[in-house]
């Protein structure tokens, strides 16, 4: 299987639309990895409900110091093995984007990668805080967790 995160998008049609919180006729995936997570949520009986880009979390951008809105990839309510339930807020990203870029020369691409990394770090910090306040858990999922 190809382990690259293909840049393609489409509309996901769930087999179990009642599990989806939001408009089940307008579920957009932006990568093959997001599509894989959607299929897992739709098929897994321990996923009680899920949503894609339906949750809004405010954060302050380190670039312009202004408030922005972050739409995490997913929020899902899961039944645990012990019967308890937990809610996860999930962001799907390539592992390389979860680490600070390293490069000796300050090219335009490197500066863009550093800027994206800084913004993502603030989004994820805000999401983690939001989740803690609600008794939820924030989780980054990369190709490693997806088994790619």
C-alpha atoms as a PDB file:
ATOM      1  CA  UNK A   1       0.000   0.000   0.000  1.00  0.00           C
ATOM      2  CA  UNK A   2       1.201   3.512  -0.790  1.00  0.00           C
ATOM      3  CA  UNK A   3       1.990   5.340   2.465  1.00  0.00           C
ATOM      4  CA  UNK A   4       1.812   8.850   1.080  1.00  0.00           C
ATOM      5  CA  UNK A   5      -1.021  11.094   2.147  1.00  0.00           C
ATOM      6  CA  UNK A   6      -2.573  11.651  -1.255  1.00  0.00           C
ATOM      7  CA  UNK A   7      -3.928  15.112  -1.809  1.00  0.00           C
ATOM      8  CA  UNK A   8      -7.420  14.291  -2.906  1.00  0.00           C
ATOM      9  CA  UNK A   9     -10.829  14.946  -1.539  1.00  0.00           C
ATOM     10  CA  UNK A  10     -14.342  13.811  -1.997  1.00  0.00           C
ATOM     11  CA  UNK A  11     -17.670  13.264  -0.301  1.00  0.00           C
ATOM     12  CA  UNK A  12     -18.129  10.403   2.146  1.00  0.00           C
ATOM     13  CA  UNK A  13     -21.501   8.629   2.181  1.00  0.00           C
ATOM     14  CA  UNK A  14     -21.908   6.810   5.520  1.00  0.00           C
ATOM     15  CA  UNK A  15     -23.605   3.418   5.740  1.00  0.00           C
ATOM     16  CA  UNK A  16     -24.807   4.471   9.202  1.00  0.00           C
ATOM     17  CA  UNK A  17     -25.894   8.113   8.771  1.00  0.00           C
ATOM     18  CA  UNK A  18     -27.689   8.129  12.149  1.00  0.00           C
ATOM     19  CA  UNK A  19     -24.271   7.878  13.854  1.00  0.00           C
ATOM     20  CA  UNK A  20     -23.149  11.124  12.214  1.00  0.00           C
ATOM     21  CA  UNK A  21     -23.673  14.405  14.118  1.00  0.00           C
ATOM     22  CA  UNK A  22     -24.196  17.003  11.455  1.00  0.00           C
ATOM     23  CA  UNK A  23     -25.260  16.883   7.822  1.00  0.00           C
ATOM     24  CA  UNK A  24     -24.560  13.294   6.739  1.00  0.00           C
ATOM     25  CA  UNK A  25     -25.024  14.380   3.106  1.00  0.00           C
ATOM     26  CA  UNK A  26     -22.087  16.785   3.271  1.00  0.00           C
ATOM     27  CA  UNK A  27     -19.147  14.902   4.787  1.00  0.00           C
ATOM     28  CA  UNK A  28     -15.948  15.970   3.027  1.00  0.00           C
ATOM     29  CA  UNK A  29     -12.625  14.159   3.278  1.00  0.00           C
ATOM     30  CA  UNK A  30      -9.425  15.946   2.320  1.00  0.00           C
ATOM     31  CA  UNK A  31      -7.050  12.976   2.261  1.00  0.00           C
ATOM     32  CA  UNK A  32      -7.023   9.210   1.964  1.00  0.00           C
ATOM     33  CA  UNK A  33      -6.114   9.129   5.657  1.00  0.00           C
ATOM     34  CA  UNK A  34      -9.233  11.077   6.657  1.00  0.00           C
ATOM     35  CA  UNK A  35     -11.307   8.749   4.467  1.00  0.00           C
ATOM     36  CA  UNK A  36      -9.817   5.758   6.288  1.00  0.00           C
ATOM     37  CA  UNK A  37     -10.791   7.238   9.683  1.00  0.00           C
ATOM     38  CA  UNK A  38     -14.323   7.984   8.428  1.00  0.00           C
ATOM     39  CA  UNK A  39     -14.788   4.388   7.289  1.00  0.00           C
ATOM     40  CA  UNK A  40     -13.548   3.161  10.672  1.00  0.00           C
ATOM     41  CA  UNK A  41     -16.013   5.406  12.549  1.00  0.00           C
ATOM     42  CA  UNK A  42     -18.897   4.424  10.279  1.00  0.00           C
ATOM     43  CA  UNK A  43     -18.221   0.664  10.515  1.00  0.00           C
ATOM     44  CA  UNK A  44     -17.163   0.300  14.172  1.00  0.00           C
ATOM     45  CA  UNK A  45     -20.064  -0.547  16.533  1.00  0.00           C
ATOM     46  CA  UNK A  46     -18.128   0.967  19.464  1.00  0.00           C
ATOM     47  CA  UNK A  47     -18.279   4.395  17.817  1.00  0.00           C
ATOM     48  CA  UNK A  48     -21.530   5.797  19.204  1.00  0.00           C
ATOM     49  CA  UNK A  49     -21.433   8.989  17.116  1.00  0.00           C
ATOM     50  CA  UNK A  50     -18.923  11.042  15.177  1.00  0.00           C
ATOM     51  CA  UNK A  51     -18.580  14.284  13.242  1.00  0.00           C
ATOM     52  CA  UNK A  52     -16.093  15.749  10.787  1.00  0.00           C
ATOM     53  CA  UNK A  53     -15.088  19.420  11.000  1.00  0.00           C
ATOM     54  CA  UNK A  54     -18.285  20.215  12.949  1.00  0.00           C
ATOM     55  CA  UNK A  55     -16.544  21.391  16.166  1.00  0.00           C
ATOM     56  CA  UNK A  56     -15.144  24.941  16.370  1.00  0.00           C
ATOM     57  CA  UNK A  57     -12.315  25.779  18.773  1.00  0.00           C
ATOM     58  CA  UNK A  58     -11.035  29.372  19.011  1.00  0.00           C
ATOM     59  CA  UNK A  59      -7.268  29.937  19.096  1.00  0.00           C
ATOM     60  CA  UNK A  60      -4.870  32.865  18.857  1.00  0.00           C
ATOM     61  CA  UNK A  61      -2.521  32.648  15.895  1.00  0.00           C
ATOM     62  CA  UNK A  62       1.147  33.237  16.679  1.00  0.00           C
ATOM     63  CA  UNK A  63       1.503  34.735  13.189  1.00  0.00           C
ATOM     64  CA  UNK A  64      -0.924  37.673  13.421  1.00  0.00           C
ATOM     65  CA  UNK A  65      -1.785  37.504  17.152  1.00  0.00           C
ATOM     66  CA  UNK A  66      -5.506  37.450  16.234  1.00  0.00           C
ATOM     67  CA  UNK A  67      -8.237  35.016  17.172  1.00  0.00           C
ATOM     68  CA  UNK A  68      -9.102  32.366  14.559  1.00  0.00           C
ATOM     69  CA  UNK A  69     -11.357  29.326  14.401  1.00  0.00           C
ATOM     70  CA  UNK A  70      -9.945  25.798  14.344  1.00  0.00           C
ATOM     71  CA  UNK A  71     -12.093  22.965  12.978  1.00  0.00           C
ATOM     72  CA  UNK A  72     -10.487  19.693  14.130  1.00  0.00           C
ATOM     73  CA  UNK A  73     -10.839  16.839  11.667  1.00  0.00           C
ATOM     74  CA  UNK A  74     -13.068  14.720  13.914  1.00  0.00           C
ATOM     75  CA  UNK A  75     -14.915  14.438  17.182  1.00  0.00           C
ATOM     76  CA  UNK A  76     -16.167  10.993  18.181  1.00  0.00           C
ATOM     77  CA  UNK A  77     -17.876   9.349  21.139  1.00  0.00           C
ATOM     78  CA  UNK A  78     -16.530   5.834  21.789  1.00  0.00           C
ATOM     79  CA  UNK A  79     -17.641   2.949  23.977  1.00  0.00           C
ATOM     80  CA  UNK A  80     -14.661   1.517  25.887  1.00  0.00           C
ATOM     81  CA  UNK A  81     -14.064  -2.181  26.632  1.00  0.00           C
ATOM     82  CA  UNK A  82     -15.234  -1.634  30.227  1.00  0.00           C
ATOM     83  CA  UNK A  83     -18.529  -0.145  28.982  1.00  0.00           C
ATOM     84  CA  UNK A  84     -17.616   3.453  29.815  1.00  0.00           C
ATOM     85  CA  UNK A  85     -17.675   6.145  27.138  1.00  0.00           C
ATOM     86  CA  UNK A  86     -15.148   8.761  26.092  1.00  0.00           C
ATOM     87  CA  UNK A  87     -15.121  11.588  23.599  1.00  0.00           C
ATOM     88  CA  UNK A  88     -12.082  12.174  21.406  1.00  0.00           C
ATOM     89  CA  UNK A  89     -11.208  15.200  19.307  1.00  0.00           C
ATOM     90  CA  UNK A  90      -8.922  13.980  16.544  1.00  0.00           C
ATOM     91  CA  UNK A  91      -6.582  15.668  14.092  1.00  0.00           C
ATOM     92  CA  UNK A  92      -5.103  13.605  11.242  1.00  0.00           C
ATOM     93  CA  UNK A  93      -1.679  14.800  10.084  1.00  0.00           C
ATOM     94  CA  UNK A  94       1.463  13.363   8.510  1.00  0.00           C
ATOM     95  CA  UNK A  95       3.995  12.543  11.239  1.00  0.00           C
ATOM     96  CA  UNK A  96       6.488  14.950   9.676  1.00  0.00           C
ATOM     97  CA  UNK A  97       4.075  17.852  10.336  1.00  0.00           C
ATOM     98  CA  UNK A  98       3.953  17.060  14.061  1.00  0.00           C
ATOM     99  CA  UNK A  99       7.643  17.922  14.505  1.00  0.00           C
ATOM    100  CA  UNK A 100       9.512  21.217  14.151  1.00  0.00           C
ATOM    101  CA  UNK A 101      11.003  21.441  10.638  1.00  0.00           C
ATOM    102  CA  UNK A 102      14.796  21.290  10.500  1.00  0.00           C
ATOM    103  CA  UNK A 103      16.864  22.917   7.818  1.00  0.00           C
ATOM    104  CA  UNK A 104      20.021  24.996   7.704  1.00  0.00           C
ATOM    105  CA  UNK A 105      19.031  27.449   4.972  1.00  0.00           C
ATOM    106  CA  UNK A 106      16.005  29.678   5.470  1.00  0.00           C
ATOM    107  CA  UNK A 107      14.244  29.066   2.158  1.00  0.00           C
ATOM    108  CA  UNK A 108      10.663  30.192   1.489  1.00  0.00           C
ATOM    109  CA  UNK A 109       9.504  26.606   1.886  1.00  0.00           C
ATOM    110  CA  UNK A 110      11.273  26.233   5.231  1.00  0.00           C
ATOM    111  CA  UNK A 111       9.769  29.499   6.530  1.00  0.00           C
ATOM    112  CA  UNK A 112       6.307  28.317   5.427  1.00  0.00           C
ATOM    113  CA  UNK A 113       6.801  24.955   7.171  1.00  0.00           C
ATOM    114  CA  UNK A 114       7.905  26.674  10.399  1.00  0.00           C
ATOM    115  CA  UNK A 115       4.926  29.041  10.231  1.00  0.00           C
ATOM    116  CA  UNK A 116       2.507  26.150   9.652  1.00  0.00           C
ATOM    117  CA  UNK A 117       4.082  24.214  12.502  1.00  0.00           C
ATOM    118  CA  UNK A 118       3.724  27.193  14.885  1.00  0.00           C
ATOM    119  CA  UNK A 119       0.067  27.717  13.939  1.00  0.00           C
ATOM    120  CA  UNK A 120      -0.666  23.987  14.288  1.00  0.00           C
ATOM    121  CA  UNK A 121       0.988  23.900  17.706  1.00  0.00           C
ATOM    122  CA  UNK A 122      -1.303  26.699  18.891  1.00  0.00           C
ATOM    123  CA  UNK A 123      -4.379  24.993  17.404  1.00  0.00           C
ATOM    124  CA  UNK A 124      -3.470  21.748  19.157  1.00  0.00           C
ATOM    125  CA  UNK A 125      -2.763  23.530  22.442  1.00  0.00           C
ATOM    126  CA  UNK A 126      -6.192  25.197  22.262  1.00  0.00           C
ATOM    127  CA  UNK A 127      -7.841  21.870  21.374  1.00  0.00           C
ATOM    128  CA  UNK A 128      -6.113  20.104  24.268  1.00  0.00           C
ATOM    129  CA  UNK A 129      -7.271  22.808  26.690  1.00  0.00           C
ATOM    130  CA  UNK A 130     -10.821  22.707  25.273  1.00  0.00           C
ATOM    131  CA  UNK A 131     -10.919  18.929  25.678  1.00  0.00           C
ATOM    132  CA  UNK A 132      -9.606  19.037  29.246  1.00  0.00           C
ATOM    133  CA  UNK A 133     -12.319  21.576  30.133  1.00  0.00           C
ATOM    134  CA  UNK A 134     -14.994  19.236  28.718  1.00  0.00           C
ATOM    135  CA  UNK A 135     -13.610  15.961  30.071  1.00  0.00           C
ATOM    136  CA  UNK A 136     -12.621  14.891  26.554  1.00  0.00           C
ATOM    137  CA  UNK A 137      -9.264  13.896  25.038  1.00  0.00           C
ATOM    138  CA  UNK A 138      -7.382  15.461  22.123  1.00  0.00           C
ATOM    139  CA  UNK A 139      -5.430  13.065  19.908  1.00  0.00           C
ATOM    140  CA  UNK A 140      -3.170  13.504  16.896  1.00  0.00           C
ATOM    141  CA  UNK A 141      -3.305  10.578  14.489  1.00  0.00           C
ATOM    142  CA  UNK A 142      -0.509  10.069  11.957  1.00  0.00           C
ATOM    143  CA  UNK A 143       0.291   7.390   9.412  1.00  0.00           C
ATOM    144  CA  UNK A 144       1.875   5.457  12.298  1.00  0.00           C
ATOM    145  CA  UNK A 145      -1.458   5.094  14.124  1.00  0.00           C
ATOM    146  CA  UNK A 146      -3.189   4.293  10.836  1.00  0.00           C
ATOM    147  CA  UNK A 147      -0.742   1.441  10.246  1.00  0.00           C
ATOM    148  CA  UNK A 148       0.693   2.948   7.053  1.00  0.00           C
END
